[in-house]
């Protein structure tokens, strides 16, 4: 039985290093992105610019596109990978989406296609090192078949339940992470106003109760100093917070809207960080 051919769609700051780790491990992996192939450096020979050719070639599709809209475009609309007669046999959704949209995606897939959600966490540095954390939802048999791939790209694998449970974990995790990002940005501003060295403050917080993923890893997170732009990574964390809110549509009793609104206001007002 031949090894499955893997396709990775969305070869950005997370997807490209994930694809490179799979290739380095000897996997037959190909990439797809809407950007020109010349932008992918030493991986450009593995990029397939034509979506029909890409979709017919790969058995397992790992989708790391930006959002729900791009997921629909990839699978059913503009690129339409799953509306063609020759299509991938497994869809691994690794974009951060609201878990509420996954059943609709599954319903539109051909009946024989298996789907799992495999949200990942760790930022580009851990994607490059192959030490991502995966939160996976889906049928056990499918997840077990995919586990060798997850172990190449990550160091922590959590199969947390049925389809949607991985994404549920991710949006809850990101709610905490994004709240921490907003708090750290305000803490840096407060330290400056109050005559404290922000770098010294971050160092103290790292070994104190103010420790956070963002504050502790500011120098390792490639986008940590970005200002808000809908098209950059700070824009992505805005989308992730909105996905968390969407997941809670039926549970207004949790009363998170005021908190998330405050956090989103801070995120949208972020200027580039000079530190």
C-alpha atoms as a PDB file:
ATOM      1  CA  UNK A   1       0.000   0.000   0.000  1.00  0.00           C
ATOM      2  CA  UNK A   2       1.484   3.333  -1.043  1.00  0.00           C
ATOM      3  CA  UNK A   3       2.053   6.230   1.319  1.00  0.00           C
ATOM      4  CA  UNK A   4      -0.660   8.889   1.043  1.00  0.00           C
ATOM      5  CA  UNK A   5       0.202  12.084  -0.787  1.00  0.00           C
ATOM      6  CA  UNK A   6      -0.271  15.129   1.420  1.00  0.00           C
ATOM      7  CA  UNK A   7      -1.411  18.553   0.297  1.00  0.00           C
ATOM      8  CA  UNK A   8      -1.093  21.663   2.411  1.00  0.00           C
ATOM      9  CA  UNK A   9      -3.241  24.616   1.385  1.00  0.00           C
ATOM     10  CA  UNK A  10      -2.403  28.013   2.803  1.00  0.00           C
ATOM     11  CA  UNK A  11       1.389  28.137   2.851  1.00  0.00           C
ATOM     12  CA  UNK A  12       1.797  31.194   5.051  1.00  0.00           C
ATOM     13  CA  UNK A  13       3.785  31.698   8.234  1.00  0.00           C
ATOM     14  CA  UNK A  14       2.287  28.536   9.770  1.00  0.00           C
ATOM     15  CA  UNK A  15       1.468  26.367   6.764  1.00  0.00           C
ATOM     16  CA  UNK A  16       4.800  26.638   4.974  1.00  0.00           C
ATOM     17  CA  UNK A  17       6.973  25.475   7.895  1.00  0.00           C
ATOM     18  CA  UNK A  18       4.481  22.664   8.557  1.00  0.00           C
ATOM     19  CA  UNK A  19       4.852  21.523   4.945  1.00  0.00           C
ATOM     20  CA  UNK A  20       8.637  21.758   5.176  1.00  0.00           C
ATOM     21  CA  UNK A  21       8.693  19.580   8.315  1.00  0.00           C
ATOM     22  CA  UNK A  22       6.651  16.920   6.523  1.00  0.00           C
ATOM     23  CA  UNK A  23       8.963  17.052   3.505  1.00  0.00           C
ATOM     24  CA  UNK A  24      12.071  16.808   5.698  1.00  0.00           C
ATOM     25  CA  UNK A  25      10.555  13.693   7.297  1.00  0.00           C
ATOM     26  CA  UNK A  26      10.327  12.044   3.881  1.00  0.00           C
ATOM     27  CA  UNK A  27       6.634  12.612   3.224  1.00  0.00           C
ATOM     28  CA  UNK A  28       5.331  13.249  -0.277  1.00  0.00           C
ATOM     29  CA  UNK A  29       3.894  16.708   0.363  1.00  0.00           C
ATOM     30  CA  UNK A  30       2.729  19.426  -2.016  1.00  0.00           C
ATOM     31  CA  UNK A  31       1.593  22.972  -1.385  1.00  0.00           C
ATOM     32  CA  UNK A  32      -1.108  25.230  -2.741  1.00  0.00           C
ATOM     33  CA  UNK A  33      -1.502  28.966  -2.270  1.00  0.00           C
ATOM     34  CA  UNK A  34      -3.024  31.812  -4.242  1.00  0.00           C
ATOM     35  CA  UNK A  35       0.303  33.684  -4.200  1.00  0.00           C
ATOM     36  CA  UNK A  36       2.901  33.180  -6.985  1.00  0.00           C
ATOM     37  CA  UNK A  37       5.088  30.087  -6.531  1.00  0.00           C
ATOM     38  CA  UNK A  38       8.263  32.207  -6.682  1.00  0.00           C
ATOM     39  CA  UNK A  39       7.404  33.547  -3.210  1.00  0.00           C
ATOM     40  CA  UNK A  40       8.030  30.159  -1.574  1.00  0.00           C
ATOM     41  CA  UNK A  41      11.807  29.978  -1.843  1.00  0.00           C
ATOM     42  CA  UNK A  42      13.270  26.501  -1.611  1.00  0.00           C
ATOM     43  CA  UNK A  43       9.767  24.990  -1.426  1.00  0.00           C
ATOM     44  CA  UNK A  44       8.565  26.460  -4.724  1.00  0.00           C
ATOM     45  CA  UNK A  45       9.269  23.246  -6.638  1.00  0.00           C
ATOM     46  CA  UNK A  46       6.652  21.559  -4.410  1.00  0.00           C
ATOM     47  CA  UNK A  47       3.985  24.219  -5.020  1.00  0.00           C
ATOM     48  CA  UNK A  48       1.160  23.448  -7.456  1.00  0.00           C
ATOM     49  CA  UNK A  49      -0.485  26.678  -8.656  1.00  0.00           C
ATOM     50  CA  UNK A  50      -3.453  25.017 -10.367  1.00  0.00           C
ATOM     51  CA  UNK A  51      -6.133  24.006  -7.827  1.00  0.00           C
ATOM     52  CA  UNK A  52      -7.594  21.273 -10.042  1.00  0.00           C
ATOM     53  CA  UNK A  53      -4.188  19.626 -10.447  1.00  0.00           C
ATOM     54  CA  UNK A  54      -3.445  20.049  -6.738  1.00  0.00           C
ATOM     55  CA  UNK A  55      -6.770  18.587  -5.608  1.00  0.00           C
ATOM     56  CA  UNK A  56      -6.529  15.576  -7.914  1.00  0.00           C
ATOM     57  CA  UNK A  57      -2.968  14.800  -6.808  1.00  0.00           C
ATOM     58  CA  UNK A  58      -3.301  14.725  -3.011  1.00  0.00           C
ATOM     59  CA  UNK A  59      -4.997  12.186  -0.753  1.00  0.00           C
ATOM     60  CA  UNK A  60      -4.915  14.176   2.485  1.00  0.00           C
ATOM     61  CA  UNK A  61      -5.623  17.908   2.432  1.00  0.00           C
ATOM     62  CA  UNK A  62      -4.424  19.961   5.407  1.00  0.00           C
ATOM     63  CA  UNK A  63      -6.104  23.358   5.235  1.00  0.00           C
ATOM     64  CA  UNK A  64      -4.333  26.256   6.951  1.00  0.00           C
ATOM     65  CA  UNK A  65      -6.103  29.081   5.113  1.00  0.00           C
ATOM     66  CA  UNK A  66      -6.974  32.272   6.965  1.00  0.00           C
ATOM     67  CA  UNK A  67     -10.661  31.982   7.872  1.00  0.00           C
ATOM     68  CA  UNK A  68     -14.084  30.465   7.241  1.00  0.00           C
ATOM     69  CA  UNK A  69     -14.596  32.324   3.963  1.00  0.00           C
ATOM     70  CA  UNK A  70     -11.276  31.125   2.554  1.00  0.00           C
ATOM     71  CA  UNK A  71     -12.101  27.585   3.707  1.00  0.00           C
ATOM     72  CA  UNK A  72     -15.341  27.645   1.717  1.00  0.00           C
ATOM     73  CA  UNK A  73     -13.523  29.077  -1.304  1.00  0.00           C
ATOM     74  CA  UNK A  74     -10.863  26.373  -1.089  1.00  0.00           C
ATOM     75  CA  UNK A  75     -13.255  23.473  -0.681  1.00  0.00           C
ATOM     76  CA  UNK A  76     -16.342  24.440  -2.675  1.00  0.00           C
ATOM     77  CA  UNK A  77     -16.180  27.783  -4.465  1.00  0.00           C
ATOM     78  CA  UNK A  78     -13.176  29.506  -6.092  1.00  0.00           C
ATOM     79  CA  UNK A  79     -10.746  26.570  -5.892  1.00  0.00           C
ATOM     80  CA  UNK A  80     -13.533  24.006  -5.438  1.00  0.00           C
ATOM     81  CA  UNK A  81     -11.259  21.122  -4.468  1.00  0.00           C
ATOM     82  CA  UNK A  82     -14.125  18.929  -3.284  1.00  0.00           C
ATOM     83  CA  UNK A  83     -16.578  19.616  -6.109  1.00  0.00           C
ATOM     84  CA  UNK A  84     -14.397  17.905  -8.729  1.00  0.00           C
ATOM     85  CA  UNK A  85     -14.510  14.197  -9.550  1.00  0.00           C
ATOM     86  CA  UNK A  86     -10.883  13.725  -8.437  1.00  0.00           C
ATOM     87  CA  UNK A  87     -10.624  15.130  -4.942  1.00  0.00           C
ATOM     88  CA  UNK A  88      -8.748  14.482  -1.676  1.00  0.00           C
ATOM     89  CA  UNK A  89     -10.037  11.646   0.490  1.00  0.00           C
ATOM     90  CA  UNK A  90      -9.420  13.348   3.846  1.00  0.00           C
ATOM     91  CA  UNK A  91      -9.838  16.972   4.948  1.00  0.00           C
ATOM     92  CA  UNK A  92      -7.842  18.181   7.951  1.00  0.00           C
ATOM     93  CA  UNK A  93      -9.102  21.608   8.956  1.00  0.00           C
ATOM     94  CA  UNK A  94      -6.309  23.401  10.830  1.00  0.00           C
ATOM     95  CA  UNK A  95      -7.522  26.983  10.376  1.00  0.00           C
ATOM     96  CA  UNK A  96      -8.997  28.496  13.532  1.00  0.00           C
ATOM     97  CA  UNK A  97     -12.756  28.589  12.926  1.00  0.00           C
ATOM     98  CA  UNK A  98     -15.862  28.649  15.047  1.00  0.00           C
ATOM     99  CA  UNK A  99     -16.768  25.016  15.798  1.00  0.00           C
ATOM    100  CA  UNK A 100     -20.336  25.887  14.786  1.00  0.00           C
ATOM    101  CA  UNK A 101     -19.376  26.035  11.075  1.00  0.00           C
ATOM    102  CA  UNK A 102     -17.792  22.580  10.882  1.00  0.00           C
ATOM    103  CA  UNK A 103     -20.996  20.505  10.552  1.00  0.00           C
ATOM    104  CA  UNK A 104     -21.993  22.606   7.531  1.00  0.00           C
ATOM    105  CA  UNK A 105     -18.598  22.023   5.904  1.00  0.00           C
ATOM    106  CA  UNK A 106     -18.884  18.279   6.564  1.00  0.00           C
ATOM    107  CA  UNK A 107     -22.382  18.208   5.063  1.00  0.00           C
ATOM    108  CA  UNK A 108     -21.091  19.729   1.815  1.00  0.00           C
ATOM    109  CA  UNK A 109     -18.221  17.265   1.408  1.00  0.00           C
ATOM    110  CA  UNK A 110     -18.637  14.152  -0.738  1.00  0.00           C
ATOM    111  CA  UNK A 111     -19.925  11.338   1.470  1.00  0.00           C
ATOM    112  CA  UNK A 112     -16.733   9.297   1.212  1.00  0.00           C
ATOM    113  CA  UNK A 113     -14.477  12.125   2.467  1.00  0.00           C
ATOM    114  CA  UNK A 114     -13.307  11.897   6.086  1.00  0.00           C
ATOM    115  CA  UNK A 115     -12.933  15.143   8.023  1.00  0.00           C
ATOM    116  CA  UNK A 116     -11.167  16.083  11.235  1.00  0.00           C
ATOM    117  CA  UNK A 117     -10.506  19.430  12.851  1.00  0.00           C
ATOM    118  CA  UNK A 118      -6.897  19.729  13.966  1.00  0.00           C
ATOM    119  CA  UNK A 119      -6.374  23.187  15.377  1.00  0.00           C
ATOM    120  CA  UNK A 120      -2.769  23.960  16.201  1.00  0.00           C
ATOM    121  CA  UNK A 121      -1.119  26.353  18.624  1.00  0.00           C
ATOM    122  CA  UNK A 122       2.422  27.603  18.992  1.00  0.00           C
ATOM    123  CA  UNK A 123       3.036  30.427  16.477  1.00  0.00           C
ATOM    124  CA  UNK A 124       5.521  30.243  13.568  1.00  0.00           C
ATOM    125  CA  UNK A 125       8.582  29.491  15.723  1.00  0.00           C
ATOM    126  CA  UNK A 126       7.095  26.216  16.953  1.00  0.00           C
ATOM    127  CA  UNK A 127       5.830  25.371  13.460  1.00  0.00           C
ATOM    128  CA  UNK A 128       9.428  25.700  12.251  1.00  0.00           C
ATOM    129  CA  UNK A 129      10.670  23.498  15.107  1.00  0.00           C
ATOM    130  CA  UNK A 130       7.940  20.883  14.681  1.00  0.00           C
ATOM    131  CA  UNK A 131       6.747  21.410  18.257  1.00  0.00           C
ATOM    132  CA  UNK A 132       3.166  22.589  17.727  1.00  0.00           C
ATOM    133  CA  UNK A 133       0.318  21.585  20.020  1.00  0.00           C
ATOM    134  CA  UNK A 134      -2.564  19.943  18.146  1.00  0.00           C
ATOM    135  CA  UNK A 135      -6.159  19.851  19.402  1.00  0.00           C
ATOM    136  CA  UNK A 136      -7.958  17.265  17.291  1.00  0.00           C
ATOM    137  CA  UNK A 137     -11.606  16.347  16.869  1.00  0.00           C
ATOM    138  CA  UNK A 138     -12.853  13.476  14.733  1.00  0.00           C
ATOM    139  CA  UNK A 139     -13.387   9.745  14.406  1.00  0.00           C
ATOM    140  CA  UNK A 140     -10.721   7.694  16.176  1.00  0.00           C
ATOM    141  CA  UNK A 141      -9.838   5.619  13.108  1.00  0.00           C
ATOM    142  CA  UNK A 142      -9.181   8.715  10.991  1.00  0.00           C
ATOM    143  CA  UNK A 143      -7.221  10.444  13.745  1.00  0.00           C
ATOM    144  CA  UNK A 144      -5.036   7.359  14.228  1.00  0.00           C
ATOM    145  CA  UNK A 145      -4.211   7.331  10.505  1.00  0.00           C
ATOM    146  CA  UNK A 146      -3.200  10.994  10.705  1.00  0.00           C
ATOM    147  CA  UNK A 147      -1.279  10.734  13.977  1.00  0.00           C
ATOM    148  CA  UNK A 148       2.147  10.120  12.346  1.00  0.00           C
ATOM    149  CA  UNK A 149       1.740  13.417  10.480  1.00  0.00           C
ATOM    150  CA  UNK A 150       0.729  15.318  13.598  1.00  0.00           C
ATOM    151  CA  UNK A 151       3.769  13.920  15.409  1.00  0.00           C
ATOM    152  CA  UNK A 152       6.069  15.244  12.682  1.00  0.00           C
ATOM    153  CA  UNK A 153       4.590  18.739  12.920  1.00  0.00           C
ATOM    154  CA  UNK A 154       3.986  18.828  16.658  1.00  0.00           C
ATOM    155  CA  UNK A 155       5.129  17.641  20.051  1.00  0.00           C
ATOM    156  CA  UNK A 156       1.744  17.688  21.818  1.00  0.00           C
ATOM    157  CA  UNK A 157      -1.210  15.782  20.364  1.00  0.00           C
ATOM    158  CA  UNK A 158      -4.606  15.912  22.055  1.00  0.00           C
ATOM    159  CA  UNK A 159      -7.496  13.936  20.561  1.00  0.00           C
ATOM    160  CA  UNK A 160     -10.283  15.577  22.511  1.00  0.00           C
ATOM    161  CA  UNK A 161     -13.415  14.042  20.992  1.00  0.00           C
ATOM    162  CA  UNK A 162     -15.735  14.207  17.999  1.00  0.00           C
ATOM    163  CA  UNK A 163     -15.604  16.643  15.088  1.00  0.00           C
ATOM    164  CA  UNK A 164     -15.629  20.212  16.384  1.00  0.00           C
ATOM    165  CA  UNK A 165     -14.128  19.493  19.785  1.00  0.00           C
ATOM    166  CA  UNK A 166     -10.615  20.350  18.642  1.00  0.00           C
ATOM    167  CA  UNK A 167     -11.770  23.734  17.381  1.00  0.00           C
ATOM    168  CA  UNK A 168     -13.743  24.273  20.584  1.00  0.00           C
ATOM    169  CA  UNK A 169     -10.519  23.807  22.553  1.00  0.00           C
ATOM    170  CA  UNK A 170      -8.701  26.192  20.236  1.00  0.00           C
ATOM    171  CA  UNK A 171     -11.117  29.102  20.446  1.00  0.00           C
ATOM    172  CA  UNK A 172     -11.273  28.819  24.254  1.00  0.00           C
ATOM    173  CA  UNK A 173      -7.477  28.693  24.401  1.00  0.00           C
ATOM    174  CA  UNK A 174      -7.217  31.695  22.095  1.00  0.00           C
ATOM    175  CA  UNK A 175      -9.721  33.664  24.165  1.00  0.00           C
ATOM    176  CA  UNK A 176      -7.297  33.377  27.080  1.00  0.00           C
ATOM    177  CA  UNK A 177      -4.233  34.062  24.908  1.00  0.00           C
ATOM    178  CA  UNK A 178      -5.733  37.141  23.230  1.00  0.00           C
ATOM    179  CA  UNK A 179      -6.906  38.552  26.545  1.00  0.00           C
ATOM    180  CA  UNK A 180      -3.319  38.110  27.740  1.00  0.00           C
ATOM    181  CA  UNK A 181      -1.954  39.905  24.675  1.00  0.00           C
ATOM    182  CA  UNK A 182      -4.211  42.892  25.336  1.00  0.00           C
ATOM    183  CA  UNK A 183      -3.228  42.927  29.019  1.00  0.00           C
ATOM    184  CA  UNK A 184       0.509  42.771  28.261  1.00  0.00           C
ATOM    185  CA  UNK A 185       0.304  45.597  25.714  1.00  0.00           C
ATOM    186  CA  UNK A 186      -1.448  47.748  28.334  1.00  0.00           C
ATOM    187  CA  UNK A 187       1.085  46.679  30.994  1.00  0.00           C
ATOM    188  CA  UNK A 188       3.962  47.787  28.736  1.00  0.00           C
ATOM    189  CA  UNK A 189       2.265  51.162  28.224  1.00  0.00           C
ATOM    190  CA  UNK A 190       1.612  51.498  31.960  1.00  0.00           C
ATOM    191  CA  UNK A 191       5.235  50.673  32.820  1.00  0.00           C
ATOM    192  CA  UNK A 192       6.454  53.418  30.481  1.00  0.00           C
ATOM    193  CA  UNK A 193       4.021  55.983  31.902  1.00  0.00           C
ATOM    194  CA  UNK A 194       5.014  55.113  35.483  1.00  0.00           C
ATOM    195  CA  UNK A 195       8.747  55.337  34.867  1.00  0.00           C
ATOM    196  CA  UNK A 196       9.519  51.622  34.728  1.00  0.00           C
ATOM    197  CA  UNK A 197      11.670  49.981  32.058  1.00  0.00           C
ATOM    198  CA  UNK A 198       9.144  47.856  30.085  1.00  0.00           C
ATOM    199  CA  UNK A 199      11.756  45.185  29.309  1.00  0.00           C
ATOM    200  CA  UNK A 200      12.663  44.893  32.978  1.00  0.00           C
ATOM    201  CA  UNK A 201       8.960  44.730  33.818  1.00  0.00           C
ATOM    202  CA  UNK A 202       8.435  41.880  31.350  1.00  0.00           C
ATOM    203  CA  UNK A 203      11.406  40.020  32.834  1.00  0.00           C
ATOM    204  CA  UNK A 204       9.962  40.325  36.332  1.00  0.00           C
ATOM    205  CA  UNK A 205       6.505  39.270  35.161  1.00  0.00           C
ATOM    206  CA  UNK A 206       8.013  36.179  33.519  1.00  0.00           C
ATOM    207  CA  UNK A 207       9.006  34.807  36.936  1.00  0.00           C
ATOM    208  CA  UNK A 208       5.951  36.170  38.756  1.00  0.00           C
ATOM    209  CA  UNK A 209       2.182  35.824  38.714  1.00  0.00           C
ATOM    210  CA  UNK A 210       2.022  38.123  35.670  1.00  0.00           C
ATOM    211  CA  UNK A 211       3.595  35.448  33.464  1.00  0.00           C
ATOM    212  CA  UNK A 212       1.827  35.021  30.101  1.00  0.00           C
ATOM    213  CA  UNK A 213       2.549  33.194  26.853  1.00  0.00           C
ATOM    214  CA  UNK A 214       2.765  36.465  24.929  1.00  0.00           C
ATOM    215  CA  UNK A 215       4.788  38.441  27.450  1.00  0.00           C
ATOM    216  CA  UNK A 216       7.194  35.578  28.145  1.00  0.00           C
ATOM    217  CA  UNK A 217       7.843  34.929  24.445  1.00  0.00           C
ATOM    218  CA  UNK A 218       7.749  38.422  22.976  1.00  0.00           C
ATOM    219  CA  UNK A 219      11.118  37.997  21.270  1.00  0.00           C
ATOM    220  CA  UNK A 220      10.244  34.553  19.863  1.00  0.00           C
ATOM    221  CA  UNK A 221       6.821  35.459  18.428  1.00  0.00           C
ATOM    222  CA  UNK A 222       7.438  36.821  14.937  1.00  0.00           C
ATOM    223  CA  UNK A 223       4.365  39.073  14.930  1.00  0.00           C
ATOM    224  CA  UNK A 224       4.510  40.224  18.570  1.00  0.00           C
ATOM    225  CA  UNK A 225       5.406  43.830  17.742  1.00  0.00           C
ATOM    226  CA  UNK A 226       2.901  44.329  14.934  1.00  0.00           C
ATOM    227  CA  UNK A 227       0.212  46.969  15.075  1.00  0.00           C
ATOM    228  CA  UNK A 228      -3.355  46.145  14.157  1.00  0.00           C
ATOM    229  CA  UNK A 229      -4.126  45.600  10.494  1.00  0.00           C
ATOM    230  CA  UNK A 230      -7.025  43.434   9.284  1.00  0.00           C
ATOM    231  CA  UNK A 231      -4.600  41.623   6.970  1.00  0.00           C
ATOM    232  CA  UNK A 232      -1.796  40.781   9.416  1.00  0.00           C
ATOM    233  CA  UNK A 233      -1.558  38.395  12.370  1.00  0.00           C
ATOM    234  CA  UNK A 234      -3.074  40.899  14.795  1.00  0.00           C
ATOM    235  CA  UNK A 235      -6.015  40.901  12.401  1.00  0.00           C
ATOM    236  CA  UNK A 236      -6.104  37.109  12.659  1.00  0.00           C
ATOM    237  CA  UNK A 237      -6.351  37.212  16.449  1.00  0.00           C
ATOM    238  CA  UNK A 238      -9.327  39.549  16.063  1.00  0.00           C
ATOM    239  CA  UNK A 239     -10.918  36.862  13.860  1.00  0.00           C
ATOM    240  CA  UNK A 240     -10.104  34.201  16.465  1.00  0.00           C
ATOM    241  CA  UNK A 241     -11.837  36.173  19.225  1.00  0.00           C
ATOM    242  CA  UNK A 242     -14.895  36.582  17.010  1.00  0.00           C
ATOM    243  CA  UNK A 243     -14.836  32.803  16.412  1.00  0.00           C
ATOM    244  CA  UNK A 244     -14.899  32.290  20.189  1.00  0.00           C
ATOM    245  CA  UNK A 245     -17.918  34.585  20.458  1.00  0.00           C
ATOM    246  CA  UNK A 246     -19.660  32.755  17.617  1.00  0.00           C
ATOM    247  CA  UNK A 247     -19.107  29.428  19.390  1.00  0.00           C
ATOM    248  CA  UNK A 248     -21.018  30.825  22.377  1.00  0.00           C
ATOM    249  CA  UNK A 249     -23.990  32.139  20.393  1.00  0.00           C
ATOM    250  CA  UNK A 250     -26.425  29.886  22.261  1.00  0.00           C
ATOM    251  CA  UNK A 251     -24.982  30.656  25.704  1.00  0.00           C
ATOM    252  CA  UNK A 252     -25.540  34.346  26.520  1.00  0.00           C
ATOM    253  CA  UNK A 253     -25.614  33.468  30.230  1.00  0.00           C
ATOM    254  CA  UNK A 254     -21.800  33.235  30.198  1.00  0.00           C
ATOM    255  CA  UNK A 255     -21.712  37.035  29.888  1.00  0.00           C
ATOM    256  CA  UNK A 256     -18.418  37.332  28.015  1.00  0.00           C
ATOM    257  CA  UNK A 257     -19.514  40.009  25.549  1.00  0.00           C
ATOM    258  CA  UNK A 258     -18.370  42.987  27.632  1.00  0.00           C
ATOM    259  CA  UNK A 259     -14.961  41.446  28.298  1.00  0.00           C
ATOM    260  CA  UNK A 260     -14.408  40.429  24.690  1.00  0.00           C
ATOM    261  CA  UNK A 261     -15.581  43.839  23.465  1.00  0.00           C
ATOM    262  CA  UNK A 262     -12.991  45.526  25.699  1.00  0.00           C
ATOM    263  CA  UNK A 263     -10.248  43.170  24.525  1.00  0.00           C
ATOM    264  CA  UNK A 264     -11.180  43.678  20.867  1.00  0.00           C
ATOM    265  CA  UNK A 265     -11.131  47.453  21.344  1.00  0.00           C
ATOM    266  CA  UNK A 266      -7.548  47.187  22.642  1.00  0.00           C
ATOM    267  CA  UNK A 267      -6.544  44.834  19.820  1.00  0.00           C
ATOM    268  CA  UNK A 268      -7.973  47.138  17.148  1.00  0.00           C
ATOM    269  CA  UNK A 269      -6.156  50.138  18.626  1.00  0.00           C
ATOM    270  CA  UNK A 270      -2.736  48.442  18.803  1.00  0.00           C
ATOM    271  CA  UNK A 271       0.140  50.407  17.290  1.00  0.00           C
ATOM    272  CA  UNK A 272       3.457  48.805  16.280  1.00  0.00           C
ATOM    273  CA  UNK A 273       5.446  48.080  19.435  1.00  0.00           C
ATOM    274  CA  UNK A 274       8.865  49.745  19.669  1.00  0.00           C
ATOM    275  CA  UNK A 275      10.566  47.662  22.337  1.00  0.00           C
END
